[in-house]
Amino acid sequence: MNDRSNMSSFPVRNPRTGETDYLMPEFSSEDVAVLAKQLRAGQKLWAARSLEQRMAALKRLAEQIAAGKDELVQAVATDTGRWAESVLEVDSTIGTIQRWLRDAPSLLAPRAPLSSATPGIMVEQNLRPYPLAGIISPWNFPLLLSMIDAYPALLVGCAVMIKPSEVTPRFVPVIQRAIAEVPELASVIGFATGRGATGEAVVRQADMVCFTGSVRTGKRVGALAAECFIPCHLELGGKDAAIVCADADLDRAAKSLAWTSMVNAGQSCMSLERAYVDQHVFDEFVERLVREVSALKLNYPNIRQGQIGPVISEAQVSILKEHLADAKAKGARILTGGNVIQMGGGYWCEPTILVNTTPDMKVVSEETFGPMLPVIPFDTEEQAIELANDSIYGLSGCVFSADLDRAHRIAERLDAGGISINDAMLTGLAQEAIKQSFKSSGLGGSRMGTASLSRFYRNQAILVNQASSSVWCFLVGENENGNV
């Protein structure tokens, strides 16, 4: 939309080589204001279209994304340094559209008028979209988390302005070409690329904002949204805990925890970052877990071989090193992995299992966002729950037990928004589940499930008096001269 010929640019780093080999336009606050004005103009026509017309446009977008899948996967893979997850990310983006096309007709169907308890009054309910939704997304799943909030917003009738992470923006020109093939959408989807100042400008121009990212930045976004007096929905960091009971299927638990703590090199807000295991099976479980994790390989030098990609953001390297050094200095024992290594200019963190950890260690108390899992024994069910809840975070978690009644009993006492039983990270797969973030892991409505649509509209009531005169005349009464 904007003329970008006069824009400044910012460099983008390749996580596999360490080189800054790409430039993206950097939107100034003035550029963001121009884009917002254009999107608002497009939104009026977009909101006036029928739901069926909006759905048809999104269906064509899904077809365009599928047609250009290879190029989109390559862009995401170059920015993130991983392959299998990038394929899954593009497929999930298409799947998210298909899910909304299936569910939207019933969720956004016109509501029948209701009779009020007050005689003579009929109540009609309208859904009024926020004209411009601002979406600020993180670097770990750049395409999926840029678009996951855009689709429901568009179906409701909003225009969307997306500010992707400056760390992983290469997908933007690729998906913009797909969007350009659907002219109705091209007028209501805009990307404002840039760094922190660009994100601030997006918040200031939007009518509501969805942010996914760190707690520190999320709090700043929340404060700015409050200053601008707009609603804000935040999904932030996590320190997800697993509880493995003595009666659990240990093989199943070990395989699940190995994968969900290490997938995408642990760079997911829902990665398992703590495991609490019944002391009666602790040694046996740790042995199985270490065997599973030790089998994982770094995807170097071939991006399509091995399961563990590089550290995507260079800023995260120092955090991983700090957590490892702190754990070692305080007496933790590393059973496998334990090193951040540089290869070909990029950084890889070895899949790491730690024991003999204590609550004061950063790897136990702070979000690591890397492939490290401290494993800690517990004595009683009550202690396991207390340990799992001893965190400022409350995003998700999991419980393993052959006794489903017991697993449910534990799950219902965990202070987190999504709890998986006998598996982990299921909330990332079951998009129908309505969940909110607890504690410092977030604020606002659920981005999952049918409730996620309600973030993008306001409820308007139209109240019609069908009686022969004002209802107030009967409620308050008139004197003989007709005066109240």
Protein backbone atom coordinates (compact mmCIF):
# COMPACT_ATOMS: atom_id res chain seq x y z
CA MET A 1 0.00 0.00 0.00
CA ASN A 2 2.63 2.53 1.02
CA ASP A 3 5.30 3.83 -1.34
CA ARG A 4 8.37 2.23 0.22
CA SER A 5 10.97 3.74 -2.10
CA ASN A 6 11.91 6.42 0.42
CA MET A 7 11.74 4.25 3.54
CA SER A 8 14.79 3.39 5.59
CA SER A 9 15.60 -0.29 6.04
CA PHE A 10 16.70 -2.60 8.83
CA PRO A 11 18.94 -5.68 8.48
CA VAL A 12 17.75 -9.24 8.99
CA ARG A 13 20.11 -11.92 10.30
CA ASN A 14 20.29 -15.48 9.01
CA PRO A 15 20.35 -17.74 12.11
CA ARG A 16 22.30 -20.50 10.36
CA THR A 17 25.11 -18.31 9.07
CA GLY A 18 25.04 -15.40 11.50
CA GLU A 19 25.14 -13.01 8.55
CA THR A 20 22.82 -10.08 8.01
CA ASP A 21 21.89 -10.89 4.44
CA TYR A 22 18.48 -9.27 3.95
CA LEU A 23 16.92 -5.81 4.26
CA MET A 24 13.32 -4.96 5.11
CA PRO A 25 11.58 -1.56 4.94
CA GLU A 26 11.23 0.14 8.31
CA PHE A 27 7.90 1.90 8.76
CA SER A 28 8.05 5.21 10.62
CA SER A 29 5.13 6.42 12.72
CA GLU A 30 4.08 8.56 9.74
CA ASP A 31 4.18 5.52 7.44
CA VAL A 32 2.06 3.56 9.90
CA ALA A 33 -0.46 6.41 10.06
CA VAL A 34 -0.77 6.44 6.26
CA LEU A 35 -1.23 2.67 6.18
CA ALA A 36 -3.85 2.84 8.94
CA LYS A 37 -5.82 5.45 7.00
CA GLN A 38 -5.79 3.28 3.88
CA LEU A 39 -6.89 0.20 5.83
CA ARG A 40 -9.71 2.08 7.54
CA ALA A 41 -10.99 3.21 4.14
CA GLY A 42 -10.92 -0.38 2.87
CA GLN A 43 -12.62 -1.69 6.02
CA LYS A 44 -15.85 0.18 5.36
CA LEU A 45 -16.48 -1.74 2.15
CA TRP A 46 -15.14 -4.98 3.65
CA ALA A 47 -17.51 -4.80 6.65
CA ALA A 48 -20.41 -4.07 4.30
CA ARG A 49 -19.81 -7.34 2.45
CA SER A 50 -21.77 -10.39 3.52
CA LEU A 51 -20.14 -13.07 5.64
CA GLU A 52 -20.31 -15.38 2.63
CA GLN A 53 -18.34 -12.88 0.55
CA ARG A 54 -15.69 -12.48 3.24
CA MET A 55 -15.43 -16.25 3.55
CA ALA A 56 -15.04 -16.61 -0.21
CA ALA A 57 -12.15 -14.14 -0.17
CA LEU A 58 -10.39 -16.04 2.61
CA LYS A 59 -10.96 -19.32 0.78
CA ARG A 60 -9.17 -17.86 -2.25
CA LEU A 61 -6.34 -16.68 -0.01
CA ALA A 62 -5.90 -20.22 1.34
CA GLU A 63 -5.69 -21.45 -2.25
CA GLN A 64 -3.06 -18.83 -3.10
CA ILE A 65 -1.01 -19.73 -0.01
CA ALA A 66 -1.19 -23.41 -0.95
CA ALA A 67 -0.12 -22.62 -4.52
CA GLY A 68 2.91 -20.69 -3.27
CA LYS A 69 3.68 -23.05 -0.40
CA ASP A 70 7.24 -23.90 -1.45
CA GLU A 71 8.35 -20.27 -1.58
CA LEU A 72 6.64 -19.48 1.71
CA VAL A 73 8.24 -22.48 3.44
CA GLN A 74 11.64 -21.39 2.13
CA ALA A 75 11.20 -17.84 3.46
CA VAL A 76 10.18 -19.07 6.92
CA ALA A 77 12.93 -21.71 6.96
CA THR A 78 15.60 -19.15 6.05
CA ASP A 79 14.55 -16.90 8.91
CA THR A 80 14.19 -19.66 11.51
CA GLY A 81 16.84 -22.14 10.42
CA ARG A 82 14.52 -25.15 10.71
CA TRP A 83 12.71 -27.11 8.01
CA ALA A 84 10.10 -29.56 9.32
CA GLU A 85 8.53 -26.95 11.61
CA SER A 86 8.42 -24.46 8.74
CA VAL A 87 6.47 -26.90 6.57
CA LEU A 88 4.11 -27.52 9.49
CA GLU A 89 3.77 -23.78 10.06
CA VAL A 90 2.60 -23.10 6.51
CA ASP A 91 0.25 -26.10 6.57
CA SER A 92 -1.16 -24.91 9.91
CA THR A 93 -1.77 -21.45 8.48
CA ILE A 94 -3.86 -22.96 5.68
CA GLY A 95 -5.59 -25.26 8.17
CA THR A 96 -6.52 -22.31 10.38
CA ILE A 97 -8.34 -20.63 7.49
CA GLN A 98 -10.18 -23.86 6.70
CA ARG A 99 -11.21 -24.21 10.33
CA TRP A 100 -12.69 -20.72 10.40
CA LEU A 101 -14.49 -21.27 7.11
CA ARG A 102 -16.11 -24.30 8.69
CA ASP A 103 -17.09 -22.62 11.97
CA ALA A 104 -17.83 -19.00 11.07
CA PRO A 105 -21.35 -19.43 9.58
CA SER A 106 -22.84 -20.73 12.82
CA LEU A 107 -20.80 -18.43 15.07
CA LEU A 108 -21.60 -15.24 13.16
CA ALA A 109 -25.17 -16.06 12.15
CA PRO A 110 -27.68 -13.22 12.75
CA ARG A 111 -29.20 -13.39 16.19
CA ALA A 112 -32.97 -13.59 16.51
CA PRO A 113 -34.65 -10.70 18.36
CA LEU A 114 -35.49 -11.37 22.00
CA SER A 115 -38.45 -10.26 24.05
CA SER A 116 -37.39 -8.28 27.08
CA ALA A 117 -38.72 -9.00 30.55
CA THR A 118 -40.07 -5.48 30.33
CA PRO A 119 -43.34 -5.72 28.36
CA GLY A 120 -43.33 -4.20 24.89
CA ILE A 121 -39.55 -4.10 24.37
CA MET A 122 -37.79 -6.19 21.72
CA VAL A 123 -34.00 -6.54 21.86
CA GLU A 124 -31.93 -6.92 18.70
CA GLN A 125 -28.20 -7.74 19.02
CA ASN A 126 -25.66 -6.55 16.47
CA LEU A 127 -21.96 -7.37 16.25
CA ARG A 128 -19.92 -4.29 15.39
CA PRO A 129 -16.32 -5.00 14.36
CA TYR A 130 -13.45 -2.86 15.54
CA PRO A 131 -12.46 -1.03 12.35
CA LEU A 132 -8.73 -1.68 12.66
CA ALA A 133 -7.16 -4.55 14.59
CA GLY A 134 -3.45 -4.24 15.36
CA ILE A 135 -1.49 -7.51 15.52
CA ILE A 136 2.07 -7.67 16.84
CA SER A 137 3.70 -11.08 16.47
CA PRO A 138 6.90 -12.80 17.70
CA TRP A 139 9.86 -14.38 15.94
CA ASN A 140 9.49 -18.05 16.84
CA PHE A 141 6.57 -18.92 14.51
CA PRO A 142 6.55 -15.78 12.38
CA LEU A 143 3.94 -16.67 9.76
CA LEU A 144 1.49 -18.60 11.93
CA LEU A 145 1.46 -16.13 14.81
CA SER A 146 1.15 -13.16 12.46
CA MET A 147 -1.93 -14.62 10.78
CA ILE A 148 -3.68 -16.63 13.50
CA ASP A 149 -5.44 -13.53 14.85
CA ALA A 150 -5.90 -11.95 11.43
CA TYR A 151 -8.32 -14.55 10.07
CA PRO A 152 -11.05 -14.28 12.75
CA ALA A 153 -10.66 -10.49 12.72
CA LEU A 154 -11.21 -10.40 8.96
CA LEU A 155 -14.23 -12.69 9.13
CA VAL A 156 -15.86 -10.42 11.70
CA GLY A 157 -15.28 -7.43 9.40
CA CYS A 158 -12.14 -5.76 10.73
CA ALA A 159 -9.16 -4.54 8.74
CA VAL A 160 -5.86 -5.77 10.17
CA MET A 161 -2.46 -4.14 10.46
CA ILE A 162 0.27 -6.66 11.26
CA LYS A 163 3.64 -5.82 12.72
CA PRO A 164 5.77 -8.99 12.42
CA SER A 165 8.96 -9.49 14.40
CA GLU A 166 11.96 -7.70 12.97
CA VAL A 167 13.93 -10.92 13.59
CA THR A 168 11.94 -13.08 11.15
CA PRO A 169 10.09 -10.95 8.54
CA ARG A 170 11.10 -12.62 5.24
CA PHE A 171 7.70 -14.24 4.80
CA VAL A 172 6.04 -10.83 4.42
CA PRO A 173 6.70 -10.11 0.72
CA VAL A 174 5.80 -13.71 -0.15
CA ILE A 175 2.42 -13.67 1.57
CA GLN A 176 1.76 -10.16 0.29
CA ARG A 177 1.95 -11.55 -3.25
CA ALA A 178 -0.67 -14.15 -2.31
CA ILE A 179 -2.88 -11.47 -0.76
CA ALA A 180 -2.54 -9.28 -3.86
CA GLU A 181 -4.27 -12.02 -5.85
CA VAL A 182 -7.41 -11.42 -3.73
CA PRO A 183 -8.11 -7.68 -4.25
CA GLU A 184 -10.85 -7.51 -1.59
CA LEU A 185 -8.32 -8.64 1.02
CA ALA A 186 -5.47 -6.51 -0.29
CA SER A 187 -7.33 -3.40 0.87
CA VAL A 188 -7.77 -4.64 4.45
CA ILE A 189 -4.52 -6.50 5.28
CA GLY A 190 -1.43 -4.38 5.80
CA PHE A 191 2.05 -5.20 7.09
CA ALA A 192 4.07 -2.58 8.94
CA THR A 193 7.62 -3.95 9.17
CA GLY A 194 10.09 -2.46 11.57
CA ARG A 195 11.40 -2.54 15.11
CA GLY A 196 10.04 -1.35 18.46
CA ALA A 197 9.03 2.14 17.37
CA THR A 198 6.98 0.67 14.54
CA GLY A 199 5.13 -1.58 16.98
CA GLU A 200 4.36 1.39 19.21
CA ALA A 201 2.97 3.27 16.22
CA VAL A 202 0.72 0.32 15.34
CA VAL A 203 -0.77 0.33 18.85
CA ARG A 204 -1.38 4.08 18.65
CA GLN A 205 -3.22 3.73 15.31
CA ALA A 206 -5.29 0.62 16.08
CA ASP A 207 -8.74 0.29 17.66
CA MET A 208 -7.70 -2.88 19.50
CA VAL A 209 -4.49 -4.86 19.67
CA CYS A 210 -3.37 -8.50 19.92
CA PHE A 211 0.21 -9.05 21.06
CA THR A 212 2.20 -12.26 21.32
CA GLY A 213 5.68 -12.12 22.84
CA SER A 214 7.66 -11.68 26.02
CA VAL A 215 6.23 -10.60 29.37
CA ARG A 216 8.46 -7.54 29.47
CA THR A 217 7.36 -6.23 26.07
CA GLY A 218 3.77 -7.33 26.65
CA LYS A 219 3.52 -5.18 29.76
CA ARG A 220 4.71 -2.18 27.75
CA VAL A 221 2.15 -2.91 25.05
CA GLY A 222 -0.57 -3.25 27.69
CA ALA A 223 0.36 0.06 29.29
CA LEU A 224 0.37 1.82 25.91
CA ALA A 225 -3.00 0.29 25.01
CA ALA A 226 -4.40 1.58 28.29
CA GLU A 227 -3.02 5.04 27.49
CA CYS A 228 -4.72 4.86 24.07
CA PHE A 229 -7.89 3.52 25.75
CA ILE A 230 -8.18 0.47 23.50
CA PRO A 231 -8.66 -3.21 24.43
CA CYS A 232 -5.56 -5.34 24.49
CA HIS A 233 -5.18 -9.12 24.32
CA LEU A 234 -1.80 -10.47 25.39
CA GLU A 235 -0.34 -13.97 25.08
CA LEU A 236 3.07 -13.90 26.71
CA GLY A 237 5.76 -16.20 28.03
CA GLY A 238 5.54 -19.50 29.83
CA LYS A 239 7.40 -21.86 32.09
CA ASP A 240 5.20 -24.87 31.48
CA ALA A 241 5.39 -27.71 33.97
CA ALA A 242 4.78 -31.43 33.55
CA ILE A 243 3.74 -33.71 36.41
CA VAL A 244 4.58 -37.40 35.93
CA CYS A 245 2.86 -39.64 38.47
CA ALA A 246 4.19 -43.03 39.58
CA ASP A 247 1.48 -44.91 37.68
CA ALA A 248 2.13 -43.10 34.38
CA ASP A 249 3.15 -44.86 31.19
CA LEU A 250 6.80 -43.86 31.49
CA ASP A 251 7.73 -44.58 27.89
CA ARG A 252 4.88 -42.46 26.66
CA ALA A 253 5.71 -39.65 29.08
CA ALA A 254 9.41 -39.71 28.19
CA LYS A 255 8.74 -39.54 24.45
CA SER A 256 6.19 -36.77 24.89
CA LEU A 257 8.39 -34.64 27.16
CA ALA A 258 11.46 -35.17 25.00
CA TRP A 259 9.62 -33.84 21.98
CA THR A 260 7.60 -31.03 23.57
CA SER A 261 10.55 -29.63 25.49
CA MET A 262 12.90 -29.73 22.51
CA VAL A 263 10.74 -29.14 19.40
CA ASN A 264 11.71 -25.97 17.54
CA ALA A 265 14.78 -25.97 19.81
CA GLY A 266 12.51 -25.14 22.75
CA GLN A 267 11.57 -21.85 21.14
CA SER A 268 7.86 -22.01 21.84
CA CYS A 269 5.89 -20.33 24.60
CA MET A 270 4.23 -23.70 25.30
CA SER A 271 7.48 -25.69 25.45
CA LEU A 272 7.83 -27.88 28.52
CA GLU A 273 10.43 -26.16 30.71
CA ARG A 274 10.01 -28.04 34.02
CA ALA A 275 9.27 -31.70 34.77
CA TYR A 276 8.19 -32.92 38.22
CA VAL A 277 8.38 -36.69 38.59
CA ASP A 278 7.27 -38.97 41.43
CA GLN A 279 10.39 -39.99 43.35
CA HIS A 280 9.41 -43.67 43.19
CA VAL A 281 9.92 -43.72 39.41
CA PHE A 282 12.30 -40.79 39.13
CA ASP A 283 15.49 -42.66 38.22
CA GLU A 284 13.72 -44.97 35.78
CA PHE A 285 11.95 -42.08 34.09
CA VAL A 286 15.07 -39.94 33.82
CA GLU A 287 16.93 -42.83 32.21
CA ARG A 288 14.21 -43.16 29.56
CA LEU A 289 14.01 -39.41 29.02
CA VAL A 290 17.76 -39.05 28.57
CA ARG A 291 17.71 -41.89 26.06
CA GLU A 292 15.03 -40.09 24.02
CA VAL A 293 16.67 -36.67 24.19
CA SER A 294 20.14 -38.01 23.43
CA ALA A 295 18.83 -39.40 20.15
CA LEU A 296 17.89 -35.91 18.91
CA LYS A 297 20.36 -34.36 16.49
CA LEU A 298 21.21 -30.81 15.48
CA ASN A 299 20.13 -29.94 11.93
CA TYR A 300 23.62 -28.87 10.93
CA PRO A 301 24.97 -28.74 8.30
CA ASN A 302 21.85 -29.98 6.50
CA ILE A 303 18.67 -28.11 7.45
CA ARG A 304 16.56 -31.12 6.42
CA GLN A 305 18.40 -33.57 8.67
CA GLY A 306 18.27 -33.59 12.44
CA GLN A 307 15.52 -32.35 14.71
CA ILE A 308 17.02 -29.34 16.52
CA GLY A 309 17.43 -26.08 14.67
CA PRO A 310 19.55 -23.07 15.61
CA VAL A 311 18.83 -20.35 18.12
CA ILE A 312 16.73 -18.02 15.98
CA SER A 313 17.29 -14.74 17.80
CA GLU A 314 20.88 -13.79 18.56
CA ALA A 315 19.69 -12.00 21.71
CA GLN A 316 18.54 -15.37 23.08
CA VAL A 317 22.05 -16.86 22.96
CA SER A 318 23.25 -14.98 26.03
CA ILE A 319 20.14 -16.03 27.99
CA LEU A 320 20.74 -19.71 27.23
CA LYS A 321 24.40 -19.43 28.22
CA GLU A 322 23.46 -17.58 31.39
CA HIS A 323 20.92 -20.22 32.45
CA LEU A 324 23.41 -23.02 31.85
CA ALA A 325 26.23 -21.26 33.70
CA ASP A 326 23.96 -20.43 36.63
CA ALA A 327 22.74 -24.03 36.91
CA LYS A 328 26.27 -25.44 36.78
CA ALA A 329 27.55 -22.96 39.38
CA LYS A 330 24.73 -23.89 41.77
CA GLY A 331 25.30 -27.63 41.53
CA ALA A 332 23.01 -28.89 38.78
CA ARG A 333 24.08 -32.08 37.04
CA ILE A 334 23.77 -32.21 33.26
CA LEU A 335 22.94 -35.67 31.95
CA THR A 336 23.02 -34.85 28.25
CA GLY A 337 23.81 -31.73 26.24
CA GLY A 338 24.71 -28.66 28.23
CA ASN A 339 26.46 -26.52 25.63
CA VAL A 340 25.65 -23.65 23.29
CA ILE A 341 27.93 -24.09 20.30
CA GLN A 342 28.68 -21.96 17.27
CA MET A 343 28.74 -23.61 13.86
CA GLY A 344 28.90 -21.86 10.52
CA GLY A 345 28.28 -18.51 12.18
CA GLY A 346 25.01 -19.60 13.81
CA TYR A 347 24.36 -20.88 17.34
CA TRP A 348 22.87 -24.22 18.36
CA CYS A 349 21.94 -25.27 21.89
CA GLU A 350 22.38 -28.97 22.54
CA PRO A 351 19.25 -30.72 23.85
CA THR A 352 19.84 -30.65 27.60
CA ILE A 353 18.46 -32.58 30.59
CA LEU A 354 19.37 -31.34 34.07
CA VAL A 355 18.89 -32.89 37.52
CA ASN A 356 19.88 -31.81 41.04
CA THR A 357 18.32 -28.44 40.30
CA THR A 358 16.95 -26.02 42.90
CA PRO A 359 14.19 -23.41 42.73
CA ASP A 360 16.68 -20.53 42.82
CA MET A 361 18.25 -21.60 39.52
CA LYS A 362 17.26 -19.49 36.53
CA VAL A 363 16.64 -22.60 34.46
CA VAL A 364 13.91 -23.52 36.95
CA SER A 365 12.36 -20.12 37.69
CA GLU A 366 12.81 -18.04 34.51
CA GLU A 367 11.65 -18.63 30.96
CA THR A 368 14.57 -20.25 29.12
CA PHE A 369 13.05 -20.47 25.64
CA GLY A 370 15.53 -23.11 24.62
CA PRO A 371 15.96 -26.92 24.58
CA MET A 372 16.62 -27.39 28.29
CA LEU A 373 14.53 -29.38 30.75
CA PRO A 374 15.20 -29.58 34.49
CA VAL A 375 13.74 -32.78 35.99
CA ILE A 376 12.78 -32.61 39.67
CA PRO A 377 11.47 -35.33 42.02
CA PHE A 378 8.41 -34.89 44.24
CA ASP A 379 7.12 -36.84 47.24
CA THR A 380 3.38 -36.25 47.24
CA GLU A 381 0.67 -35.12 44.85
CA GLU A 382 0.19 -31.98 46.92
CA GLN A 383 3.87 -31.11 46.66
CA ALA A 384 3.82 -31.64 42.88
CA ILE A 385 0.95 -29.20 42.51
CA GLU A 386 2.65 -26.61 44.73
CA LEU A 387 5.91 -26.89 42.77
CA ALA A 388 4.17 -26.62 39.41
CA ASN A 389 2.23 -23.54 40.58
CA ASP A 390 5.32 -21.88 42.06
CA SER A 391 5.84 -19.62 39.05
CA ILE A 392 4.86 -16.19 37.78
CA TYR A 393 3.75 -17.93 34.58
CA GLY A 394 0.53 -19.80 33.84
CA LEU A 395 0.30 -20.58 30.15
CA SER A 396 -0.13 -24.36 29.99
CA GLY A 397 1.06 -27.63 31.47
CA CYS A 398 0.46 -31.38 31.53
CA VAL A 399 -0.20 -34.36 33.78
CA PHE A 400 0.67 -38.03 33.17
CA SER A 401 -1.22 -40.70 35.10
CA ALA A 402 -2.99 -43.97 34.33
CA ASP A 403 -5.71 -42.88 36.77
CA LEU A 404 -7.73 -40.35 34.78
CA ASP A 405 -9.67 -39.23 37.85
CA ARG A 406 -6.41 -38.41 39.54
CA ALA A 407 -5.06 -36.69 36.43
CA HIS A 408 -8.16 -34.51 36.23
CA ARG A 409 -7.96 -33.73 39.95
CA ILE A 410 -4.39 -32.50 39.52
CA ALA A 411 -5.10 -30.67 36.27
CA GLU A 412 -7.96 -28.68 37.77
CA ARG A 413 -5.67 -27.34 40.49
CA LEU A 414 -2.89 -26.16 38.18
CA ASP A 415 -2.76 -22.40 37.64
CA ALA A 416 -2.50 -22.46 33.86
CA GLY A 417 -4.86 -21.93 30.96
CA GLY A 418 -4.48 -25.22 29.11
CA ILE A 419 -3.65 -28.58 30.68
CA SER A 420 -2.92 -31.70 28.62
CA ILE A 421 -3.46 -35.15 30.11
CA ASN A 422 -1.17 -38.03 29.08
CA ASP A 423 0.43 -35.83 26.44
CA ALA A 424 1.77 -32.28 26.22
CA MET A 425 1.19 -29.10 24.19
CA LEU A 426 -2.20 -30.34 23.02
CA THR A 427 -3.56 -26.80 23.24
CA GLY A 428 -1.33 -25.98 20.28
CA LEU A 429 -3.14 -28.60 18.20
CA ALA A 430 -6.75 -28.40 19.39
CA GLN A 431 -7.72 -24.92 18.22
CA GLU A 432 -11.29 -25.52 19.41
CA ALA A 433 -10.20 -25.33 23.07
CA ILE A 434 -11.04 -22.05 24.79
CA LYS A 435 -8.21 -21.09 27.11
CA GLN A 436 -6.83 -17.94 28.66
CA SER A 437 -3.40 -17.21 30.03
CA PHE A 438 -3.04 -17.15 33.81
CA LYS A 439 -0.83 -14.84 35.86
CA SER A 440 1.97 -13.11 33.93
CA SER A 441 1.47 -15.32 30.88
CA GLY A 442 -1.15 -13.01 29.47
CA LEU A 443 -4.27 -10.94 29.66
CA GLY A 444 -7.54 -10.69 27.77
CA GLY A 445 -9.70 -13.08 25.80
CA SER A 446 -8.88 -16.50 24.42
CA ARG A 447 -7.24 -16.65 20.98
CA MET A 448 -8.37 -20.27 20.72
CA GLY A 449 -11.85 -21.70 20.40
CA THR A 450 -15.08 -20.03 19.39
CA ALA A 451 -14.58 -17.28 21.99
CA SER A 452 -11.64 -15.87 20.04
CA LEU A 453 -14.02 -14.17 17.61
CA SER A 454 -15.47 -12.00 20.37
CA ARG A 455 -12.17 -10.14 20.76
CA PHE A 456 -12.78 -8.39 17.45
CA TYR A 457 -16.30 -7.03 17.84
CA ARG A 458 -18.42 -5.01 20.20
CA ASN A 459 -21.99 -5.96 21.08
CA GLN A 460 -24.54 -3.37 20.08
CA ALA A 461 -28.12 -3.58 21.35
CA ILE A 462 -31.03 -2.12 19.37
CA LEU A 463 -34.08 -1.86 21.63
CA VAL A 464 -37.47 -1.36 20.03
CA ASN A 465 -40.55 -0.26 21.94
CA GLN A 466 -43.51 -2.02 20.33
CA ALA A 467 -46.08 -0.63 22.77
CA SER A 468 -48.51 2.20 21.97
CA SER A 469 -46.66 4.73 24.16
CA SER A 470 -43.46 5.15 26.13
CA VAL A 471 -42.77 2.33 28.56
CA TRP A 472 -41.63 4.94 31.05
CA CYS A 473 -45.15 6.33 31.23
CA PHE A 474 -46.31 3.04 32.69
CA LEU A 475 -43.28 2.55 34.94
CA VAL A 476 -43.21 6.05 36.44
CA GLY A 477 -46.80 7.11 35.88
CA GLU A 478 -48.54 10.22 34.44
CA ASN A 479 -50.73 12.82 36.14
CA GLU A 480 -54.11 13.79 34.78
CA ASN A 481 -52.52 16.48 32.59
CA GLY A 482 -50.23 13.94 30.90
CA ASN A 483 -47.14 15.12 32.79
CA VAL A 484 -44.83 12.61 34.39
